[in-house]
Amino acid sequence: MVDYIDEAKDILSGCLFIPKEKISDDADIHSVKGLDSLSFETIILEIERRTGREVDPVELLQMNSVKDLARLLERAR
């Protein structure tokens, strides 16, 4: 069974260069340190690489939390 919360935190950690332990399950994605347009694009590319599906950037913009990202990953599989 895939832990989508853990995978979402892994993506954010890798793309934003911050320790995964510093990202809470309920973290507001837009307030996570280091999130800018370049890292946003990196997150999109990483999601697409992991899921094999194209991500609509608008869909990512509508996310507010790590849990929202986890749900997106789960729907993509």
PDB file of N, CA and C in Angstrom:
ATOM      1  N   MET A   1       0.840  -1.183   0.000  1.00  0.00           N
ATOM      2  CA  MET A   1       0.000   0.000   0.000  1.00  0.00           C
ATOM      3  C   MET A   1       0.891   1.254   0.000  1.00  0.00           C
ATOM      4  N   VAL A   2       0.575   2.171  -0.859  1.00  0.00           N
ATOM      5  CA  VAL A   2       1.363   3.389  -1.003  1.00  0.00           C
ATOM      6  C   VAL A   2       0.927   4.418   0.033  1.00  0.00           C
ATOM      7  N   ASP A   3       1.893   5.027   0.709  1.00  0.00           N
ATOM      8  CA  ASP A   3       1.621   6.114   1.653  1.00  0.00           C
ATOM      9  C   ASP A   3       1.753   7.421   0.861  1.00  0.00           C
ATOM     10  N   TYR A   4       0.628   7.945   0.397  1.00  0.00           N
ATOM     11  CA  TYR A   4       0.646   9.120  -0.468  1.00  0.00           C
ATOM     12  C   TYR A   4       1.080  10.386   0.270  1.00  0.00           C
ATOM     13  N   ILE A   5       0.797  10.462   1.564  1.00  0.00           N
ATOM     14  CA  ILE A   5       1.266  11.612   2.354  1.00  0.00           C
ATOM     15  C   ILE A   5       2.793  11.608   2.362  1.00  0.00           C
ATOM     16  N   ASP A   6       3.365  10.444   2.623  1.00  0.00           N
ATOM     17  CA  ASP A   6       4.826  10.333   2.655  1.00  0.00           C
ATOM     18  C   ASP A   6       5.424  10.658   1.290  1.00  0.00           C
ATOM     19  N   GLU A   7       4.783  10.175   0.231  1.00  0.00           N
ATOM     20  CA  GLU A   7       5.273  10.458  -1.123  1.00  0.00           C
ATOM     21  C   GLU A   7       5.176  11.953  -1.443  1.00  0.00           C
ATOM     22  N   ALA A   8       4.098  12.593  -1.026  1.00  0.00           N
ATOM     23  CA  ALA A   8       3.939  14.038  -1.250  1.00  0.00           C
ATOM     24  C   ALA A   8       5.041  14.806  -0.522  1.00  0.00           C
ATOM     25  N   LYS A   9       5.310  14.412   0.720  1.00  0.00           N
ATOM     26  CA  LYS A   9       6.363  15.065   1.492  1.00  0.00           C
ATOM     27  C   LYS A   9       7.731  14.800   0.873  1.00  0.00           C
ATOM     28  N   ASP A  10       7.923  13.613   0.328  1.00  0.00           N
ATOM     29  CA  ASP A  10       9.179  13.267  -0.344  1.00  0.00           C
ATOM     30  C   ASP A  10       9.390  14.158  -1.570  1.00  0.00           C
ATOM     31  N   ILE A  11       8.348  14.383  -2.343  1.00  0.00           N
ATOM     32  CA  ILE A  11       8.429  15.253  -3.524  1.00  0.00           C
ATOM     33  C   ILE A  11       8.780  16.679  -3.106  1.00  0.00           C
ATOM     34  N   LEU A  12       8.053  17.200  -2.125  1.00  0.00           N
ATOM     35  CA  LEU A  12       8.313  18.571  -1.677  1.00  0.00           C
ATOM     36  C   LEU A  12       9.719  18.699  -1.102  1.00  0.00           C
ATOM     37  N   SER A  13      10.137  17.726  -0.326  1.00  0.00           N
ATOM     38  CA  SER A  13      11.474  17.752   0.265  1.00  0.00           C
ATOM     39  C   SER A  13      12.551  17.771  -0.807  1.00  0.00           C
ATOM     40  N   GLY A  14      12.422  16.894  -1.790  1.00  0.00           N
ATOM     41  CA  GLY A  14      13.419  16.813  -2.857  1.00  0.00           C
ATOM     42  C   GLY A  14      13.444  18.040  -3.750  1.00  0.00           C
ATOM     43  N   CYS A  15      12.282  18.586  -4.028  1.00  0.00           N
ATOM     44  CA  CYS A  15      12.208  19.742  -4.927  1.00  0.00           C
ATOM     45  C   CYS A  15      12.565  21.059  -4.245  1.00  0.00           C
ATOM     46  N   LEU A  16      12.339  21.117  -2.948  1.00  0.00           N
ATOM     47  CA  LEU A  16      12.573  22.368  -2.221  1.00  0.00           C
ATOM     48  C   LEU A  16      13.831  22.318  -1.354  1.00  0.00           C
ATOM     49  N   PHE A  17      14.497  21.165  -1.352  1.00  0.00           N
ATOM     50  CA  PHE A  17      15.741  20.988  -0.595  1.00  0.00           C
ATOM     51  C   PHE A  17      15.573  21.285   0.892  1.00  0.00           C
ATOM     52  N   ILE A  18      14.496  20.734   1.457  1.00  0.00           N
ATOM     53  CA  ILE A  18      14.293  20.856   2.892  1.00  0.00           C
ATOM     54  C   ILE A  18      14.045  19.455   3.452  1.00  0.00           C
ATOM     55  N   PRO A  19      14.439  19.209   4.695  1.00  0.00           N
ATOM     56  CA  PRO A  19      14.240  17.872   5.271  1.00  0.00           C
ATOM     57  C   PRO A  19      12.762  17.494   5.329  1.00  0.00           C
ATOM     58  N   LYS A  20      12.484  16.255   4.966  1.00  0.00           N
ATOM     59  CA  LYS A  20      11.104  15.766   4.949  1.00  0.00           C
ATOM     60  C   LYS A  20      10.468  15.875   6.336  1.00  0.00           C
ATOM     61  N   GLU A  21      11.280  15.707   7.387  1.00  0.00           N
ATOM     62  CA  GLU A  21      10.769  15.767   8.746  1.00  0.00           C
ATOM     63  C   GLU A  21      10.232  17.160   9.102  1.00  0.00           C
ATOM     64  N   LYS A  22      10.656  18.161   8.373  1.00  0.00           N
ATOM     65  CA  LYS A  22      10.220  19.540   8.643  1.00  0.00           C
ATOM     66  C   LYS A  22       8.899  19.884   7.962  1.00  0.00           C
ATOM     67  N   ILE A  23       8.352  18.943   7.196  1.00  0.00           N
ATOM     68  CA  ILE A  23       7.095  19.170   6.483  1.00  0.00           C
ATOM     69  C   ILE A  23       6.000  18.373   7.187  1.00  0.00           C
ATOM     70  N   SER A  24       5.054  19.085   7.775  1.00  0.00           N
ATOM     71  CA  SER A  24       3.963  18.390   8.472  1.00  0.00           C
ATOM     72  C   SER A  24       2.908  17.926   7.462  1.00  0.00           C
ATOM     73  N   ASP A  25       2.137  16.946   7.871  1.00  0.00           N
ATOM     74  CA  ASP A  25       1.079  16.407   7.004  1.00  0.00           C
ATOM     75  C   ASP A  25       0.069  17.474   6.611  1.00  0.00           C
ATOM     76  N   ASP A  26      -0.136  18.444   7.480  1.00  0.00           N
ATOM     77  CA  ASP A  26      -1.123  19.495   7.244  1.00  0.00           C
ATOM     78  C   ASP A  26      -0.509  20.796   6.745  1.00  0.00           C
ATOM     79  N   ALA A  27       0.757  20.761   6.366  1.00  0.00           N
ATOM     80  CA  ALA A  27       1.449  21.987   5.955  1.00  0.00           C
ATOM     81  C   ALA A  27       0.753  22.642   4.768  1.00  0.00           C
ATOM     82  N   ASP A  28       0.683  23.949   4.817  1.00  0.00           N
ATOM     83  CA  ASP A  28       0.164  24.748   3.710  1.00  0.00           C
ATOM     84  C   ASP A  28       1.267  24.784   2.646  1.00  0.00           C
ATOM     85  N   ILE A  29       0.986  24.238   1.481  1.00  0.00           N
ATOM     86  CA  ILE A  29       1.998  24.149   0.419  1.00  0.00           C
ATOM     87  C   ILE A  29       2.544  25.528   0.048  1.00  0.00           C
ATOM     88  N   HIS A  30       1.691  26.517   0.023  1.00  0.00           N
ATOM     89  CA  HIS A  30       2.116  27.843  -0.417  1.00  0.00           C
ATOM     90  C   HIS A  30       2.983  28.565   0.599  1.00  0.00           C
ATOM     91  N   SER A  31       3.021  28.056   1.830  1.00  0.00           N
ATOM     92  CA  SER A  31       3.876  28.685   2.840  1.00  0.00           C
ATOM     93  C   SER A  31       5.155  27.895   3.089  1.00  0.00           C
ATOM     94  N   VAL A  32       5.303  26.757   2.386  1.00  0.00           N
ATOM     95  CA  VAL A  32       6.509  25.957   2.549  1.00  0.00           C
ATOM     96  C   VAL A  32       7.703  26.751   2.024  1.00  0.00           C
ATOM     97  N   LYS A  33       8.739  26.791   2.835  1.00  0.00           N
ATOM     98  CA  LYS A  33       9.939  27.559   2.511  1.00  0.00           C
ATOM     99  C   LYS A  33      10.492  27.181   1.132  1.00  0.00           C
ATOM    100  N   GLY A  34      10.780  28.195   0.347  1.00  0.00           N
ATOM    101  CA  GLY A  34      11.447  27.970  -0.925  1.00  0.00           C
ATOM    102  C   GLY A  34      10.542  27.734  -2.117  1.00  0.00           C
ATOM    103  N   LEU A  35       9.235  27.781  -1.934  1.00  0.00           N
ATOM    104  CA  LEU A  35       8.332  27.552  -3.064  1.00  0.00           C
ATOM    105  C   LEU A  35       8.274  28.801  -3.934  1.00  0.00           C
ATOM    106  N   ASP A  36       8.746  28.666  -5.155  1.00  0.00           N
ATOM    107  CA  ASP A  36       8.690  29.748  -6.131  1.00  0.00           C
ATOM    108  C   ASP A  36       8.320  29.143  -7.475  1.00  0.00           C
ATOM    109  N   SER A  37       8.306  29.935  -8.522  1.00  0.00           N
ATOM    110  CA  SER A  37       7.854  29.429  -9.825  1.00  0.00           C
ATOM    111  C   SER A  37       8.752  28.315 -10.359  1.00  0.00           C
ATOM    112  N   LEU A  38      10.043  28.392 -10.122  1.00  0.00           N
ATOM    113  CA  LEU A  38      10.958  27.348 -10.599  1.00  0.00           C
ATOM    114  C   LEU A  38      10.738  26.049  -9.836  1.00  0.00           C
ATOM    115  N   SER A  39      10.619  26.132  -8.515  1.00  0.00           N
ATOM    116  CA  SER A  39      10.388  24.917  -7.733  1.00  0.00           C
ATOM    117  C   SER A  39       8.997  24.359  -8.017  1.00  0.00           C
ATOM    118  N   PHE A  40       8.056  25.217  -8.296  1.00  0.00           N
ATOM    119  CA  PHE A  40       6.701  24.800  -8.656  1.00  0.00           C
ATOM    120  C   PHE A  40       6.760  23.931  -9.920  1.00  0.00           C
ATOM    121  N   GLU A  41       7.511  24.372 -10.908  1.00  0.00           N
ATOM    122  CA  GLU A  41       7.675  23.596 -12.149  1.00  0.00           C
ATOM    123  C   GLU A  41       8.379  22.271 -11.869  1.00  0.00           C
ATOM    124  N   THR A  42       9.361  22.301 -10.986  1.00  0.00           N
ATOM    125  CA  THR A  42      10.079  21.075 -10.623  1.00  0.00           C
ATOM    126  C   THR A  42       9.137  20.079  -9.960  1.00  0.00           C
ATOM    127  N   ILE A  43       8.245  20.573  -9.117  1.00  0.00           N
ATOM    128  CA  ILE A  43       7.260  19.709  -8.460  1.00  0.00           C
ATOM    129  C   ILE A  43       6.340  19.076  -9.497  1.00  0.00           C
ATOM    130  N   ILE A  44       5.880  19.854 -10.445  1.00  0.00           N
ATOM    131  CA  ILE A  44       5.025  19.325 -11.519  1.00  0.00           C
ATOM    132  C   ILE A  44       5.747  18.216 -12.280  1.00  0.00           C
ATOM    133  N   LEU A  45       6.990  18.463 -12.660  1.00  0.00           N
ATOM    134  CA  LEU A  45       7.755  17.467 -13.407  1.00  0.00           C
ATOM    135  C   LEU A  45       7.970  16.190 -12.594  1.00  0.00           C
ATOM    136  N   GLU A  46       8.205  16.344 -11.301  1.00  0.00           N
ATOM    137  CA  GLU A  46       8.400  15.176 -10.445  1.00  0.00           C
ATOM    138  C   GLU A  46       7.115  14.371 -10.292  1.00  0.00           C
ATOM    139  N   ILE A  47       5.991  15.039 -10.152  1.00  0.00           N
ATOM    140  CA  ILE A  47       4.706  14.337 -10.079  1.00  0.00           C
ATOM    141  C   ILE A  47       4.470  13.567 -11.383  1.00  0.00           C
ATOM    142  N   GLU A  48       4.722  14.221 -12.505  1.00  0.00           N
ATOM    143  CA  GLU A  48       4.523  13.567 -13.810  1.00  0.00           C
ATOM    144  C   GLU A  48       5.461  12.372 -13.972  1.00  0.00           C
ATOM    145  N   ARG A  49       6.686  12.506 -13.493  1.00  0.00           N
ATOM    146  CA  ARG A  49       7.645  11.400 -13.589  1.00  0.00           C
ATOM    147  C   ARG A  49       7.164  10.208 -12.752  1.00  0.00           C
ATOM    148  N   ARG A  50       6.681  10.478 -11.570  1.00  0.00           N
ATOM    149  CA  ARG A  50       6.253   9.405 -10.665  1.00  0.00           C
ATOM    150  C   ARG A  50       4.940   8.758 -11.071  1.00  0.00           C
ATOM    151  N   THR A  51       4.040   9.539 -11.656  1.00  0.00           N
ATOM    152  CA  THR A  51       2.709   9.006 -11.977  1.00  0.00           C
ATOM    153  C   THR A  51       2.571   8.585 -13.437  1.00  0.00           C
ATOM    154  N   GLY A  52       3.445   9.097 -14.291  1.00  0.00           N
ATOM    155  CA  GLY A  52       3.320   8.785 -15.709  1.00  0.00           C
ATOM    156  C   GLY A  52       2.172   9.513 -16.370  1.00  0.00           C
ATOM    157  N   ARG A  53       1.675  10.539 -15.709  1.00  0.00           N
ATOM    158  CA  ARG A  53       0.542  11.301 -16.248  1.00  0.00           C
ATOM    159  C   ARG A  53       0.868  12.782 -16.215  1.00  0.00           C
ATOM    160  N   GLU A  54       0.361  13.491 -17.215  1.00  0.00           N
ATOM    161  CA  GLU A  54       0.565  14.941 -17.269  1.00  0.00           C
ATOM    162  C   GLU A  54      -0.298  15.620 -16.208  1.00  0.00           C
ATOM    163  N   VAL A  55       0.293  16.614 -15.548  1.00  0.00           N
ATOM    164  CA  VAL A  55      -0.421  17.348 -14.497  1.00  0.00           C
ATOM    165  C   VAL A  55      -0.771  18.731 -15.015  1.00  0.00           C
ATOM    166  N   ASP A  56      -2.018  19.096 -14.831  1.00  0.00           N
ATOM    167  CA  ASP A  56      -2.472  20.440 -15.178  1.00  0.00           C
ATOM    168  C   ASP A  56      -1.978  21.384 -14.081  1.00  0.00           C
ATOM    169  N   PRO A  57      -1.131  22.371 -14.414  1.00  0.00           N
ATOM    170  CA  PRO A  57      -0.617  23.292 -13.393  1.00  0.00           C
ATOM    171  C   PRO A  57      -1.717  23.978 -12.593  1.00  0.00           C
ATOM    172  N   VAL A  58      -2.866  24.195 -13.199  1.00  0.00           N
ATOM    173  CA  VAL A  58      -3.986  24.813 -12.493  1.00  0.00           C
ATOM    174  C   VAL A  58      -4.438  23.898 -11.349  1.00  0.00           C
ATOM    175  N   GLU A  59      -4.409  22.603 -11.610  1.00  0.00           N
ATOM    176  CA  GLU A  59      -4.781  21.628 -10.585  1.00  0.00           C
ATOM    177  C   GLU A  59      -3.841  21.742  -9.382  1.00  0.00           C
ATOM    178  N   LEU A  60      -2.564  21.938  -9.635  1.00  0.00           N
ATOM    179  CA  LEU A  60      -1.590  22.093  -8.555  1.00  0.00           C
ATOM    180  C   LEU A  60      -1.775  23.427  -7.836  1.00  0.00           C
ATOM    181  N   LEU A  61      -2.102  24.467  -8.579  1.00  0.00           N
ATOM    182  CA  LEU A  61      -2.334  25.777  -7.959  1.00  0.00           C
ATOM    183  C   LEU A  61      -3.518  25.756  -6.997  1.00  0.00           C
ATOM    184  N   GLN A  62      -4.461  24.869  -7.246  1.00  0.00           N
ATOM    185  CA  GLN A  62      -5.652  24.787  -6.404  1.00  0.00           C
ATOM    186  C   GLN A  62      -5.400  24.028  -5.110  1.00  0.00           C
ATOM    187  N   MET A  63      -4.249  23.382  -5.009  1.00  0.00           N
ATOM    188  CA  MET A  63      -3.930  22.644  -3.799  1.00  0.00           C
ATOM    189  C   MET A  63      -3.469  23.594  -2.709  1.00  0.00           C
ATOM    190  N   ASN A  64      -3.854  23.262  -1.488  1.00  0.00           N
ATOM    191  CA  ASN A  64      -3.482  24.095  -0.357  1.00  0.00           C
ATOM    192  C   ASN A  64      -2.604  23.393   0.658  1.00  0.00           C
ATOM    193  N   SER A  65      -2.617  22.066   0.655  1.00  0.00           N
ATOM    194  CA  SER A  65      -1.894  21.346   1.700  1.00  0.00           C
ATOM    195  C   SER A  65      -1.169  20.129   1.144  1.00  0.00           C
ATOM    196  N   VAL A  66      -0.329  19.571   1.992  1.00  0.00           N
ATOM    197  CA  VAL A  66       0.369  18.332   1.642  1.00  0.00           C
ATOM    198  C   VAL A  66      -0.662  17.237   1.379  1.00  0.00           C
ATOM    199  N   LYS A  67      -1.732  17.233   2.151  1.00  0.00           N
ATOM    200  CA  LYS A  67      -2.787  16.232   1.947  1.00  0.00           C
ATOM    201  C   LYS A  67      -3.446  16.385   0.579  1.00  0.00           C
ATOM    202  N   ASP A  68      -3.596  17.617   0.093  1.00  0.00           N
ATOM    203  CA  ASP A  68      -4.140  17.837  -1.251  1.00  0.00           C
ATOM    204  C   ASP A  68      -3.211  17.230  -2.301  1.00  0.00           C
ATOM    205  N   LEU A  69      -1.903  17.413  -2.119  1.00  0.00           N
ATOM    206  CA  LEU A  69      -0.926  16.828  -3.044  1.00  0.00           C
ATOM    207  C   LEU A  69      -1.004  15.309  -2.990  1.00  0.00           C
ATOM    208  N   ALA A  70      -1.159  14.758  -1.797  1.00  0.00           N
ATOM    209  CA  ALA A  70      -1.284  13.296  -1.646  1.00  0.00           C
ATOM    210  C   ALA A  70      -2.511  12.782  -2.391  1.00  0.00           C
ATOM    211  N   ARG A  71      -3.622  13.509  -2.295  1.00  0.00           N
ATOM    212  CA  ARG A  71      -4.847  13.093  -3.017  1.00  0.00           C
ATOM    213  C   ARG A  71      -4.639  13.141  -4.524  1.00  0.00           C
ATOM    214  N   LEU A  72      -3.916  14.159  -5.009  1.00  0.00           N
ATOM    215  CA  LEU A  72      -3.616  14.256  -6.436  1.00  0.00           C
ATOM    216  C   LEU A  72      -2.795  13.052  -6.880  1.00  0.00           C
ATOM    217  N   LEU A  73      -1.806  12.674  -6.078  1.00  0.00           N
ATOM    218  CA  LEU A  73      -0.969  11.507  -6.405  1.00  0.00           C
ATOM    219  C   LEU A  73      -1.816  10.243  -6.432  1.00  0.00           C
ATOM    220  N   GLU A  74      -2.708  10.102  -5.478  1.00  0.00           N
ATOM    221  CA  GLU A  74      -3.550   8.923  -5.412  1.00  0.00           C
ATOM    222  C   GLU A  74      -4.488   8.837  -6.623  1.00  0.00           C
ATOM    223  N   ARG A  75      -5.079   9.961  -7.016  1.00  0.00           N
ATOM    224  CA  ARG A  75      -5.982   9.975  -8.192  1.00  0.00           C
ATOM    225  C   ARG A  75      -5.225   9.672  -9.488  1.00  0.00           C
ATOM    226  N   ALA A  76      -3.959  10.043  -9.516  1.00  0.00           N
ATOM    227  CA  ALA A  76      -3.166   9.863 -10.737  1.00  0.00           C
ATOM    228  C   ALA A  76      -2.770   8.403 -10.964  1.00  0.00           C
ATOM    229  N   ARG A  77      -2.918   7.597  -9.962  1.00  0.00           N
ATOM    230  CA  ARG A  77      -2.491   6.189 -10.083  1.00  0.00           C
ATOM    231  C   ARG A  77      -3.605   5.282 -10.464  1.00  0.00           C
TER     232      ARG A  77
END
